[in-house]
Amino acid sequence: LLRMQIEKLMAAFEVPWPAVLETKRRLDEIRRLVRRIDELTWRENKVGGWDNHYYQVCCSDFNSDPGAFRAEVEDFLARAEAARPRTEDIRLGYIGVPPIMGDIYRYLEERGARVVFNETQRQFSMPFDTEDLVEQYRCYTYPYGIFYRLEDIEREIERRAIRGVIHYAQSFCYRQIEDIIIRRRLRIPVLTIEGDKPGQLDERTRIRLDAFVELLR
């Protein structure tokens, strides 16, 4: 069924499989570079939560210019590889929709905590080693239910030695329903925060983040 829908889209744009796969190959090269940024975040502690978020979420459309985005990624990687390891001692996971509060990563890092796993943003980067386009989209967890997503989340929590999870849900989003399931399934502390419009963290959310970091410490 998934292959059929992909081929319908190809037919609409009159694009054959060889051209599609060649484009996939070029985009996968960029995705591998972004995967290295993710590794520098959780494995080598050289990248902060915001940069991890930014470069992965940009893989949704490569900033409308894959060539320019690749150059931006390569420039950032050169600087990140040479950076000193960061010192935040509390490792966090961030799950749910990408945040609309732009200062959340900086705020946490100022308090000695750092997001080393951005669930949805990482999925946008499609970190899957497969040459099969259909399989690539089958592995992509974002469109599917919470239980399929949780399999990926639990693997990454263990692999990245994450101590606590922030679950972000927009106030109007149906994914709030999943919060109960997440809390019952995960074996580490979970803080759920909400937002309804772009901006900075409000005082209530800051207080809750402070308390969560202290709990984990």
N, C-alpha and C. Protein backbone atom coordinates (compact mmCIF):
# COMPACT_ATOMS: atom_id res chain seq x y z
N LEU A 1 0.83 -1.21 0.00
CA LEU A 1 0.00 0.00 0.00
C LEU A 1 0.86 1.26 0.00
N LEU A 2 1.91 1.26 0.82
CA LEU A 2 2.80 2.42 0.87
C LEU A 2 3.50 2.61 -0.47
N ARG A 3 3.97 1.52 -1.06
CA ARG A 3 4.62 1.62 -2.37
C ARG A 3 3.64 2.17 -3.41
N MET A 4 2.40 1.73 -3.34
CA MET A 4 1.40 2.19 -4.31
C MET A 4 1.20 3.71 -4.21
N GLN A 5 1.15 4.23 -2.97
CA GLN A 5 0.95 5.67 -2.80
C GLN A 5 2.17 6.45 -3.28
N ILE A 6 3.36 5.92 -3.03
CA ILE A 6 4.57 6.58 -3.53
C ILE A 6 4.57 6.62 -5.05
N GLU A 7 4.18 5.51 -5.67
CA GLU A 7 4.16 5.45 -7.13
C GLU A 7 3.07 6.35 -7.72
N LYS A 8 1.98 6.55 -7.00
CA LYS A 8 0.97 7.51 -7.45
C LYS A 8 1.54 8.92 -7.49
N LEU A 9 2.31 9.26 -6.47
CA LEU A 9 2.94 10.58 -6.43
C LEU A 9 3.96 10.72 -7.55
N MET A 10 4.73 9.67 -7.78
CA MET A 10 5.70 9.68 -8.87
C MET A 10 5.00 9.89 -10.21
N ALA A 11 3.87 9.22 -10.41
CA ALA A 11 3.13 9.35 -11.66
C ALA A 11 2.60 10.77 -11.84
N ALA A 12 2.15 11.37 -10.74
CA ALA A 12 1.62 12.74 -10.82
C ALA A 12 2.69 13.72 -11.27
N PHE A 13 3.94 13.48 -10.85
CA PHE A 13 5.04 14.38 -11.23
C PHE A 13 5.85 13.84 -12.41
N GLU A 14 5.43 12.70 -12.94
CA GLU A 14 6.09 12.08 -14.09
C GLU A 14 7.58 11.86 -13.83
N VAL A 15 7.85 11.23 -12.69
CA VAL A 15 9.23 10.96 -12.29
C VAL A 15 9.42 9.44 -12.19
N PRO A 16 10.44 8.86 -12.85
CA PRO A 16 10.68 7.42 -12.78
C PRO A 16 11.47 7.03 -11.54
N TRP A 17 11.48 5.72 -11.25
CA TRP A 17 12.20 5.23 -10.07
C TRP A 17 13.69 5.59 -10.08
N PRO A 18 14.41 5.47 -11.20
CA PRO A 18 15.84 5.82 -11.16
C PRO A 18 16.09 7.25 -10.68
N ALA A 19 15.27 8.19 -11.12
CA ALA A 19 15.45 9.58 -10.70
C ALA A 19 15.13 9.75 -9.22
N VAL A 20 14.09 9.05 -8.77
CA VAL A 20 13.72 9.11 -7.35
C VAL A 20 14.84 8.57 -6.48
N LEU A 21 15.40 7.43 -6.86
CA LEU A 21 16.44 6.82 -6.05
C LEU A 21 17.74 7.62 -6.08
N GLU A 22 18.02 8.29 -7.19
CA GLU A 22 19.21 9.15 -7.24
C GLU A 22 19.04 10.34 -6.31
N THR A 23 17.84 10.90 -6.28
CA THR A 23 17.58 12.01 -5.34
C THR A 23 17.67 11.52 -3.91
N LYS A 24 17.14 10.33 -3.65
CA LYS A 24 17.24 9.76 -2.30
C LYS A 24 18.70 9.60 -1.90
N ARG A 25 19.53 9.14 -2.83
CA ARG A 25 20.95 8.95 -2.52
C ARG A 25 21.60 10.27 -2.11
N ARG A 26 21.31 11.35 -2.85
CA ARG A 26 21.90 12.65 -2.53
C ARG A 26 21.40 13.18 -1.19
N LEU A 27 20.12 13.00 -0.92
CA LEU A 27 19.58 13.48 0.36
C LEU A 27 20.07 12.63 1.52
N ASP A 28 20.27 11.35 1.29
CA ASP A 28 20.79 10.48 2.35
C ASP A 28 22.20 10.89 2.76
N GLU A 29 22.98 11.43 1.83
CA GLU A 29 24.32 11.92 2.19
C GLU A 29 24.21 13.06 3.20
N ILE A 30 23.24 13.93 3.01
CA ILE A 30 23.04 15.03 3.96
C ILE A 30 22.53 14.48 5.28
N ARG A 31 21.62 13.53 5.21
CA ARG A 31 21.09 12.93 6.44
C ARG A 31 22.19 12.28 7.27
N ARG A 32 23.17 11.67 6.60
CA ARG A 32 24.27 11.06 7.35
C ARG A 32 25.11 12.11 8.06
N LEU A 33 25.28 13.26 7.44
CA LEU A 33 26.00 14.35 8.10
C LEU A 33 25.24 14.82 9.34
N VAL A 34 23.93 14.93 9.21
CA VAL A 34 23.11 15.35 10.35
C VAL A 34 23.12 14.28 11.43
N ARG A 35 23.20 13.03 11.03
CA ARG A 35 23.30 11.95 12.03
C ARG A 35 24.59 12.09 12.84
N ARG A 36 25.63 12.57 12.19
CA ARG A 36 26.88 12.81 12.92
C ARG A 36 26.70 13.91 13.97
N ILE A 37 25.91 14.93 13.65
CA ILE A 37 25.60 15.96 14.65
C ILE A 37 24.89 15.34 15.84
N ASP A 38 23.98 14.42 15.57
CA ASP A 38 23.28 13.74 16.66
C ASP A 38 24.26 12.93 17.51
N GLU A 39 25.20 12.24 16.87
CA GLU A 39 26.20 11.49 17.62
C GLU A 39 27.07 12.41 18.48
N LEU A 40 27.41 13.56 17.93
CA LEU A 40 28.20 14.53 18.71
C LEU A 40 27.42 15.08 19.89
N THR A 41 26.10 14.98 19.81
CA THR A 41 25.26 15.44 20.92
C THR A 41 25.27 14.45 22.07
N TRP A 42 24.93 13.20 21.78
CA TRP A 42 24.73 12.24 22.88
C TRP A 42 25.96 11.40 23.19
N ARG A 43 26.80 11.17 22.20
CA ARG A 43 27.95 10.28 22.43
C ARG A 43 29.19 11.05 22.86
N GLU A 44 29.43 12.21 22.25
CA GLU A 44 30.66 12.96 22.53
C GLU A 44 30.40 14.25 23.29
N ASN A 45 29.14 14.58 23.52
CA ASN A 45 28.76 15.74 24.35
C ASN A 45 29.33 17.06 23.84
N LYS A 46 29.34 17.24 22.53
CA LYS A 46 29.90 18.46 21.96
C LYS A 46 28.85 19.39 21.35
N VAL A 47 27.61 18.95 21.31
CA VAL A 47 26.54 19.73 20.68
C VAL A 47 25.39 19.92 21.66
N GLY A 48 24.83 21.11 21.69
CA GLY A 48 23.72 21.41 22.58
C GLY A 48 22.38 20.99 22.01
N GLY A 49 21.36 21.06 22.84
CA GLY A 49 20.03 20.61 22.46
C GLY A 49 19.42 21.40 21.32
N TRP A 50 19.64 22.73 21.30
CA TRP A 50 19.04 23.55 20.24
C TRP A 50 19.61 23.19 18.87
N ASP A 51 20.93 23.07 18.77
CA ASP A 51 21.53 22.74 17.48
C ASP A 51 21.11 21.34 17.03
N ASN A 52 21.02 20.42 17.97
CA ASN A 52 20.53 19.08 17.65
C ASN A 52 19.12 19.17 17.08
N HIS A 53 18.29 19.95 17.73
CA HIS A 53 16.91 20.16 17.27
C HIS A 53 16.90 20.79 15.88
N TYR A 54 17.65 21.86 15.71
CA TYR A 54 17.58 22.65 14.47
C TYR A 54 17.98 21.83 13.25
N TYR A 55 19.14 21.19 13.29
CA TYR A 55 19.62 20.52 12.09
C TYR A 55 18.78 19.29 11.75
N GLN A 56 18.23 18.63 12.75
CA GLN A 56 17.39 17.48 12.45
C GLN A 56 16.02 17.91 11.92
N VAL A 57 15.42 18.93 12.52
CA VAL A 57 14.10 19.34 12.06
C VAL A 57 14.18 19.93 10.65
N CYS A 58 15.31 20.53 10.31
CA CYS A 58 15.48 21.08 8.97
C CYS A 58 15.51 20.00 7.89
N CYS A 59 15.74 18.76 8.29
CA CYS A 59 15.74 17.67 7.31
C CYS A 59 14.34 17.38 6.77
N SER A 60 13.33 18.04 7.32
CA SER A 60 11.98 17.86 6.78
C SER A 60 11.88 18.40 5.36
N ASP A 61 12.63 19.48 5.06
CA ASP A 61 12.63 20.01 3.69
C ASP A 61 14.00 20.55 3.26
N PHE A 62 15.03 20.32 4.10
CA PHE A 62 16.40 20.76 3.80
C PHE A 62 16.44 22.26 3.51
N ASN A 63 15.60 23.00 4.23
CA ASN A 63 15.51 24.46 4.08
C ASN A 63 15.24 24.88 2.63
N SER A 64 14.54 24.02 1.91
CA SER A 64 14.15 24.28 0.50
C SER A 64 15.34 24.37 -0.46
N ASP A 65 16.54 24.06 0.03
CA ASP A 65 17.74 24.12 -0.82
C ASP A 65 18.76 23.13 -0.27
N PRO A 66 18.69 21.86 -0.70
CA PRO A 66 19.58 20.84 -0.14
C PRO A 66 21.06 21.18 -0.25
N GLY A 67 21.47 21.80 -1.35
CA GLY A 67 22.88 22.13 -1.51
C GLY A 67 23.35 23.15 -0.49
N ALA A 68 22.58 24.19 -0.30
CA ALA A 68 22.94 25.22 0.68
C ALA A 68 22.87 24.66 2.10
N PHE A 69 21.88 23.81 2.35
CA PHE A 69 21.77 23.22 3.69
C PHE A 69 22.95 22.31 3.97
N ARG A 70 23.37 21.55 2.99
CA ARG A 70 24.54 20.68 3.19
C ARG A 70 25.77 21.51 3.55
N ALA A 71 25.97 22.62 2.87
CA ALA A 71 27.12 23.48 3.18
C ALA A 71 27.02 24.01 4.61
N GLU A 72 25.80 24.36 5.03
CA GLU A 72 25.60 24.84 6.40
C GLU A 72 25.93 23.75 7.41
N VAL A 73 25.48 22.53 7.13
CA VAL A 73 25.74 21.41 8.02
C VAL A 73 27.24 21.12 8.10
N GLU A 74 27.91 21.11 6.97
CA GLU A 74 29.35 20.83 6.96
C GLU A 74 30.13 21.88 7.74
N ASP A 75 29.72 23.14 7.61
CA ASP A 75 30.39 24.21 8.36
C ASP A 75 30.19 24.02 9.86
N PHE A 76 28.96 23.68 10.25
CA PHE A 76 28.70 23.47 11.68
C PHE A 76 29.48 22.26 12.20
N LEU A 77 29.51 21.18 11.42
CA LEU A 77 30.21 19.98 11.85
C LEU A 77 31.70 20.24 12.08
N ALA A 78 32.30 21.02 11.20
CA ALA A 78 33.73 21.32 11.36
C ALA A 78 33.99 21.99 12.70
N ARG A 79 33.10 22.90 13.08
CA ARG A 79 33.28 23.59 14.37
C ARG A 79 32.94 22.68 15.54
N ALA A 80 31.90 21.85 15.38
CA ALA A 80 31.47 20.98 16.48
C ALA A 80 32.50 19.90 16.77
N GLU A 81 33.11 19.34 15.73
CA GLU A 81 34.12 18.30 15.93
C GLU A 81 35.29 18.82 16.76
N ALA A 82 35.60 20.11 16.60
CA ALA A 82 36.75 20.69 17.29
C ALA A 82 36.40 21.24 18.67
N ALA A 83 35.13 21.21 19.02
CA ALA A 83 34.69 21.80 20.29
C ALA A 83 35.08 20.94 21.48
N ARG A 84 35.16 21.57 22.63
CA ARG A 84 35.39 20.83 23.87
C ARG A 84 34.09 20.18 24.34
N PRO A 85 34.16 19.04 25.02
CA PRO A 85 32.94 18.42 25.55
C PRO A 85 32.22 19.35 26.52
N ARG A 86 30.91 19.29 26.48
CA ARG A 86 30.09 20.12 27.36
C ARG A 86 30.04 19.49 28.75
N THR A 87 29.57 20.28 29.72
CA THR A 87 29.66 19.84 31.11
C THR A 87 28.32 19.57 31.79
N GLU A 88 27.20 19.75 31.09
CA GLU A 88 25.91 19.47 31.73
C GLU A 88 25.85 18.00 32.16
N ASP A 89 25.40 17.76 33.39
CA ASP A 89 25.46 16.40 33.92
C ASP A 89 24.14 15.64 33.87
N ILE A 90 23.05 16.31 33.55
CA ILE A 90 21.74 15.64 33.49
C ILE A 90 21.33 15.51 32.03
N ARG A 91 21.14 14.27 31.60
CA ARG A 91 20.82 13.99 30.20
C ARG A 91 19.31 13.78 30.05
N LEU A 92 18.72 14.57 29.16
CA LEU A 92 17.27 14.55 28.99
C LEU A 92 16.88 14.08 27.59
N GLY A 93 15.68 13.52 27.51
CA GLY A 93 15.06 13.26 26.23
C GLY A 93 13.89 14.21 26.04
N TYR A 94 13.63 14.57 24.80
CA TYR A 94 12.51 15.45 24.48
C TYR A 94 11.66 14.71 23.46
N ILE A 95 10.39 14.44 23.81
CA ILE A 95 9.51 13.70 22.91
C ILE A 95 8.26 14.52 22.63
N GLY A 96 7.60 14.18 21.52
CA GLY A 96 6.42 14.92 21.12
C GLY A 96 6.74 15.90 20.01
N VAL A 97 5.81 16.80 19.75
CA VAL A 97 6.00 17.75 18.66
C VAL A 97 7.14 18.71 18.98
N PRO A 98 7.88 19.18 17.97
CA PRO A 98 8.96 20.13 18.23
C PRO A 98 8.44 21.37 18.96
N PRO A 99 9.26 21.96 19.82
CA PRO A 99 8.78 23.04 20.69
C PRO A 99 8.52 24.35 19.95
N ILE A 100 7.56 25.13 20.47
CA ILE A 100 7.35 26.48 19.96
C ILE A 100 7.90 27.51 20.95
N MET A 101 8.45 27.03 22.08
CA MET A 101 9.14 27.92 23.02
C MET A 101 10.63 27.88 22.69
N GLY A 102 11.13 28.93 22.07
CA GLY A 102 12.47 28.89 21.50
C GLY A 102 13.60 28.82 22.49
N ASP A 103 13.34 29.14 23.75
CA ASP A 103 14.44 29.21 24.72
C ASP A 103 14.52 28.00 25.64
N ILE A 104 13.77 26.95 25.38
CA ILE A 104 13.72 25.82 26.32
C ILE A 104 15.06 25.13 26.44
N TYR A 105 15.79 24.95 25.34
CA TYR A 105 17.07 24.24 25.39
C TYR A 105 18.10 25.05 26.18
N ARG A 106 18.19 26.33 25.89
CA ARG A 106 19.14 27.18 26.60
C ARG A 106 18.81 27.24 28.09
N TYR A 107 17.52 27.34 28.40
CA TYR A 107 17.11 27.43 29.80
C TYR A 107 17.54 26.18 30.57
N LEU A 108 17.35 25.02 29.98
CA LEU A 108 17.75 23.77 30.64
C LEU A 108 19.26 23.70 30.81
N GLU A 109 20.00 24.09 29.79
CA GLU A 109 21.46 24.00 29.85
C GLU A 109 22.04 24.96 30.88
N GLU A 110 21.40 26.08 31.08
CA GLU A 110 21.85 27.00 32.13
C GLU A 110 21.69 26.39 33.52
N ARG A 111 20.88 25.35 33.62
CA ARG A 111 20.63 24.68 34.90
C ARG A 111 21.30 23.32 34.97
N GLY A 112 22.24 23.06 34.07
CA GLY A 112 23.02 21.83 34.13
C GLY A 112 22.36 20.62 33.52
N ALA A 113 21.33 20.83 32.70
CA ALA A 113 20.66 19.71 32.02
C ALA A 113 20.72 19.95 30.51
N ARG A 114 20.80 18.87 29.75
CA ARG A 114 20.89 19.02 28.29
C ARG A 114 20.07 17.94 27.60
N VAL A 115 19.33 18.35 26.59
CA VAL A 115 18.56 17.41 25.78
C VAL A 115 19.51 16.71 24.81
N VAL A 116 19.60 15.39 24.93
CA VAL A 116 20.48 14.61 24.05
C VAL A 116 19.68 13.71 23.11
N PHE A 117 18.36 13.87 23.14
CA PHE A 117 17.49 13.09 22.25
C PHE A 117 16.24 13.90 21.95
N ASN A 118 16.09 14.29 20.69
CA ASN A 118 14.88 14.95 20.21
C ASN A 118 14.14 13.94 19.34
N GLU A 119 13.09 13.37 19.88
CA GLU A 119 12.43 12.23 19.21
C GLU A 119 11.93 12.55 17.81
N THR A 120 11.00 13.48 17.70
CA THR A 120 10.37 13.76 16.40
C THR A 120 11.36 14.36 15.42
N GLN A 121 12.20 15.27 15.91
CA GLN A 121 13.18 15.89 15.03
C GLN A 121 14.12 14.85 14.45
N ARG A 122 14.52 13.88 15.28
CA ARG A 122 15.39 12.81 14.78
C ARG A 122 14.69 12.01 13.70
N GLN A 123 13.40 11.76 13.87
CA GLN A 123 12.66 11.05 12.84
C GLN A 123 12.63 11.82 11.52
N PHE A 124 12.57 13.15 11.60
CA PHE A 124 12.60 13.95 10.38
C PHE A 124 13.90 13.74 9.61
N SER A 125 14.97 13.40 10.31
CA SER A 125 16.25 13.17 9.64
C SER A 125 16.36 11.77 9.05
N MET A 126 15.36 10.93 9.32
CA MET A 126 15.30 9.57 8.78
C MET A 126 16.63 8.83 8.92
N PRO A 127 17.03 8.52 10.15
CA PRO A 127 18.34 7.90 10.40
C PRO A 127 18.33 6.39 10.18
N PHE A 128 17.90 5.97 9.01
CA PHE A 128 17.74 4.54 8.74
C PHE A 128 18.67 4.13 7.60
N ASP A 129 19.43 3.07 7.80
CA ASP A 129 20.35 2.59 6.78
C ASP A 129 19.63 1.64 5.84
N THR A 130 18.99 2.19 4.84
CA THR A 130 18.31 1.36 3.85
C THR A 130 18.30 2.08 2.51
N GLU A 131 18.50 1.33 1.44
CA GLU A 131 18.43 1.90 0.10
C GLU A 131 17.02 1.85 -0.46
N ASP A 132 16.12 1.20 0.26
CA ASP A 132 14.74 1.02 -0.18
C ASP A 132 13.90 2.19 0.33
N LEU A 133 13.35 2.98 -0.58
CA LEU A 133 12.56 4.15 -0.19
C LEU A 133 11.32 3.76 0.60
N VAL A 134 10.67 2.69 0.19
CA VAL A 134 9.46 2.24 0.90
C VAL A 134 9.82 1.84 2.33
N GLU A 135 10.90 1.11 2.50
CA GLU A 135 11.34 0.70 3.84
C GLU A 135 11.71 1.91 4.67
N GLN A 136 12.31 2.91 4.05
CA GLN A 136 12.67 4.13 4.78
C GLN A 136 11.44 4.78 5.40
N TYR A 137 10.37 4.86 4.64
CA TYR A 137 9.15 5.47 5.18
C TYR A 137 8.41 4.53 6.12
N ARG A 138 8.61 3.23 5.97
CA ARG A 138 8.01 2.31 6.93
C ARG A 138 8.66 2.44 8.30
N CYS A 139 9.95 2.72 8.32
CA CYS A 139 10.67 2.89 9.59
C CYS A 139 10.37 4.22 10.26
N TYR A 140 9.84 5.15 9.53
CA TYR A 140 9.57 6.51 10.01
C TYR A 140 8.40 6.47 10.99
N THR A 141 8.66 6.75 12.26
CA THR A 141 7.64 6.50 13.29
C THR A 141 6.60 7.61 13.43
N TYR A 142 6.92 8.82 12.98
CA TYR A 142 6.08 9.98 13.28
C TYR A 142 4.61 9.81 12.88
N PRO A 143 4.28 9.23 11.71
CA PRO A 143 2.87 9.14 11.33
C PRO A 143 2.09 8.06 12.07
N TYR A 144 2.78 7.22 12.82
CA TYR A 144 2.13 6.04 13.39
C TYR A 144 1.74 6.25 14.84
N GLY A 145 1.15 5.23 15.43
CA GLY A 145 0.62 5.32 16.78
C GLY A 145 1.70 5.37 17.85
N ILE A 146 1.26 5.63 19.07
CA ILE A 146 2.19 5.85 20.18
C ILE A 146 2.99 4.60 20.51
N PHE A 147 2.42 3.41 20.34
CA PHE A 147 3.15 2.19 20.74
C PHE A 147 4.34 1.94 19.82
N TYR A 148 4.20 2.22 18.54
CA TYR A 148 5.32 2.09 17.61
C TYR A 148 6.38 3.12 17.93
N ARG A 149 5.96 4.34 18.25
CA ARG A 149 6.91 5.39 18.63
C ARG A 149 7.64 5.02 19.91
N LEU A 150 6.93 4.43 20.86
CA LEU A 150 7.54 4.10 22.15
C LEU A 150 8.66 3.08 22.00
N GLU A 151 8.56 2.19 21.04
CA GLU A 151 9.65 1.23 20.82
C GLU A 151 10.95 1.98 20.51
N ASP A 152 10.85 2.98 19.65
CA ASP A 152 12.02 3.80 19.31
C ASP A 152 12.48 4.62 20.50
N ILE A 153 11.54 5.23 21.22
CA ILE A 153 11.87 6.07 22.37
C ILE A 153 12.60 5.26 23.43
N GLU A 154 12.11 4.07 23.73
CA GLU A 154 12.73 3.24 24.78
C GLU A 154 14.14 2.81 24.38
N ARG A 155 14.34 2.48 23.12
CA ARG A 155 15.69 2.11 22.66
C ARG A 155 16.66 3.27 22.86
N GLU A 156 16.21 4.47 22.49
CA GLU A 156 17.11 5.62 22.58
C GLU A 156 17.35 6.06 24.03
N ILE A 157 16.36 5.90 24.89
CA ILE A 157 16.56 6.21 26.31
C ILE A 157 17.69 5.36 26.88
N GLU A 158 17.68 4.08 26.55
CA GLU A 158 18.72 3.18 27.06
C GLU A 158 20.07 3.48 26.41
N ARG A 159 20.07 3.66 25.10
CA ARG A 159 21.33 3.87 24.38
C ARG A 159 22.01 5.17 24.80
N ARG A 160 21.23 6.20 25.09
CA ARG A 160 21.78 7.53 25.38
C ARG A 160 21.87 7.83 26.87
N ALA A 161 21.56 6.84 27.70
CA ALA A 161 21.65 7.01 29.16
C ALA A 161 20.85 8.23 29.63
N ILE A 162 19.61 8.30 29.19
CA ILE A 162 18.74 9.43 29.52
C ILE A 162 18.11 9.23 30.89
N ARG A 163 18.09 10.29 31.68
CA ARG A 163 17.59 10.20 33.06
C ARG A 163 16.17 10.72 33.23
N GLY A 164 15.71 11.53 32.33
CA GLY A 164 14.36 12.07 32.42
C GLY A 164 13.88 12.50 31.05
N VAL A 165 12.55 12.53 30.88
CA VAL A 165 11.96 12.86 29.58
C VAL A 165 11.01 14.04 29.73
N ILE A 166 11.11 14.98 28.81
CA ILE A 166 10.14 16.06 28.69
C ILE A 166 9.21 15.73 27.53
N HIS A 167 7.92 15.63 27.84
CA HIS A 167 6.93 15.36 26.80
C HIS A 167 6.21 16.66 26.50
N TYR A 168 6.37 17.14 25.28
CA TYR A 168 5.75 18.41 24.89
C TYR A 168 4.51 18.14 24.06
N ALA A 169 3.41 18.76 24.44
CA ALA A 169 2.16 18.62 23.69
C ALA A 169 1.54 20.00 23.51
N GLN A 170 1.20 20.34 22.28
CA GLN A 170 0.51 21.60 22.06
C GLN A 170 -0.90 21.51 22.63
N SER A 171 -1.40 22.61 23.13
CA SER A 171 -2.67 22.61 23.85
C SER A 171 -3.82 22.08 23.01
N PHE A 172 -3.75 22.27 21.70
CA PHE A 172 -4.85 21.87 20.82
C PHE A 172 -4.59 20.53 20.13
N CYS A 173 -3.52 19.85 20.50
CA CYS A 173 -3.08 18.66 19.75
C CYS A 173 -3.67 17.38 20.34
N TYR A 174 -4.15 16.50 19.46
CA TYR A 174 -4.72 15.23 19.91
C TYR A 174 -3.70 14.35 20.60
N ARG A 175 -2.41 14.59 20.39
CA ARG A 175 -1.38 13.75 20.98
C ARG A 175 -1.32 13.86 22.50
N GLN A 176 -2.04 14.82 23.07
CA GLN A 176 -2.13 14.89 24.53
C GLN A 176 -2.70 13.59 25.10
N ILE A 177 -3.57 12.95 24.35
CA ILE A 177 -4.20 11.71 24.80
C ILE A 177 -3.14 10.65 25.08
N GLU A 178 -2.03 10.73 24.38
CA GLU A 178 -0.98 9.71 24.51
C GLU A 178 -0.17 9.86 25.79
N ASP A 179 -0.32 10.97 26.49
CA ASP A 179 0.52 11.24 27.66
C ASP A 179 0.37 10.18 28.73
N ILE A 180 -0.84 9.71 28.97
CA ILE A 180 -1.07 8.69 29.99
C ILE A 180 -0.32 7.41 29.64
N ILE A 181 -0.36 7.03 28.38
CA ILE A 181 0.33 5.81 27.94
C ILE A 181 1.83 5.96 28.12
N ILE A 182 2.35 7.12 27.76
CA ILE A 182 3.79 7.37 27.89
C ILE A 182 4.22 7.25 29.34
N ARG A 183 3.47 7.84 30.25
CA ARG A 183 3.83 7.81 31.67
C ARG A 183 3.79 6.39 32.23
N ARG A 184 2.86 5.59 31.77
CA ARG A 184 2.76 4.21 32.26
C ARG A 184 3.86 3.33 31.70
N ARG A 185 4.30 3.63 30.49
CA ARG A 185 5.26 2.76 29.81
C ARG A 185 6.71 3.06 30.18
N LEU A 186 7.07 4.34 30.24
CA LEU A 186 8.47 4.68 30.48
C LEU A 186 8.84 4.49 31.94
N ARG A 187 10.06 4.06 32.18
CA ARG A 187 10.51 3.74 33.54
C ARG A 187 11.37 4.83 34.14
N ILE A 188 11.35 5.99 33.55
CA ILE A 188 12.08 7.14 34.10
C ILE A 188 11.09 8.30 34.25
N PRO A 189 11.45 9.32 35.04
CA PRO A 189 10.54 10.44 35.25
C PRO A 189 10.17 11.15 33.95
N VAL A 190 8.90 11.58 33.87
CA VAL A 190 8.38 12.28 32.70
C VAL A 190 7.74 13.59 33.15
N LEU A 191 8.11 14.68 32.50
CA LEU A 191 7.47 15.98 32.72
C LEU A 191 6.72 16.36 31.45
N THR A 192 5.43 16.62 31.57
CA THR A 192 4.63 17.04 30.42
C THR A 192 4.42 18.54 30.47
N ILE A 193 4.76 19.21 29.39
CA ILE A 193 4.53 20.65 29.30
C ILE A 193 3.68 20.93 28.06
N GLU A 194 3.01 22.08 28.07
CA GLU A 194 2.12 22.44 26.98
C GLU A 194 2.45 23.84 26.46
N GLY A 195 2.04 24.08 25.23
CA GLY A 195 2.17 25.41 24.65
C GLY A 195 1.07 25.61 23.63
N ASP A 196 0.68 26.86 23.43
CA ASP A 196 -0.37 27.13 22.45
C ASP A 196 0.00 28.22 21.45
N LYS A 197 1.14 28.88 21.65
CA LYS A 197 1.57 29.90 20.70
C LYS A 197 3.07 30.09 20.81
N PRO A 198 3.71 30.52 19.71
CA PRO A 198 5.17 30.72 19.74
C PRO A 198 5.56 31.80 20.74
N GLY A 199 6.76 31.65 21.29
CA GLY A 199 7.25 32.64 22.24
C GLY A 199 8.29 32.04 23.15
N GLN A 200 8.46 32.65 24.31
CA GLN A 200 9.43 32.19 25.29
C GLN A 200 8.71 31.42 26.40
N LEU A 201 9.48 30.74 27.21
CA LEU A 201 8.91 30.00 28.34
C LEU A 201 8.20 30.95 29.29
N ASP A 202 7.00 30.56 29.74
CA ASP A 202 6.33 31.37 30.74
C ASP A 202 6.85 30.99 32.13
N GLU A 203 6.49 31.79 33.12
CA GLU A 203 7.03 31.59 34.46
C GLU A 203 6.62 30.25 35.05
N ARG A 204 5.39 29.85 34.79
CA ARG A 204 4.91 28.56 35.32
C ARG A 204 5.74 27.40 34.76
N THR A 205 6.00 27.42 33.47
CA THR A 205 6.78 26.34 32.86
C THR A 205 8.22 26.36 33.35
N ARG A 206 8.78 27.53 33.54
CA ARG A 206 10.15 27.62 34.09
C ARG A 206 10.23 26.98 35.47
N ILE A 207 9.26 27.27 36.30
CA ILE A 207 9.25 26.70 37.66
C ILE A 207 9.16 25.18 37.59
N ARG A 208 8.32 24.67 36.69
CA ARG A 208 8.17 23.22 36.55
C ARG A 208 9.45 22.58 36.02
N LEU A 209 10.12 23.23 35.09
CA LEU A 209 11.40 22.71 34.59
C LEU A 209 12.46 22.72 35.68
N ASP A 210 12.50 23.79 36.47
CA ASP A 210 13.44 23.86 37.59
C ASP A 210 13.24 22.69 38.54
N ALA A 211 11.97 22.44 38.90
CA ALA A 211 11.66 21.36 39.84
C ALA A 211 12.03 20.00 39.25
N PHE A 212 11.81 19.82 37.96
CA PHE A 212 12.12 18.55 37.30
C PHE A 212 13.63 18.30 37.31
N VAL A 213 14.40 19.31 36.99
CA VAL A 213 15.86 19.16 37.00
C VAL A 213 16.36 18.84 38.40
N GLU A 214 15.81 19.50 39.40
CA GLU A 214 16.21 19.23 40.78
C GLU A 214 15.84 17.81 41.19
N LEU A 215 14.69 17.34 40.74
CA LEU A 215 14.27 15.96 41.02
C LEU A 215 15.29 14.97 40.47
N LEU A 216 15.75 15.21 39.27
CA LEU A 216 16.70 14.29 38.63
C LEU A 216 18.10 14.40 39.24
N ARG A 217 18.40 15.54 39.78
CA ARG A 217 19.73 15.72 40.38
C ARG A 217 19.83 14.97 41.71
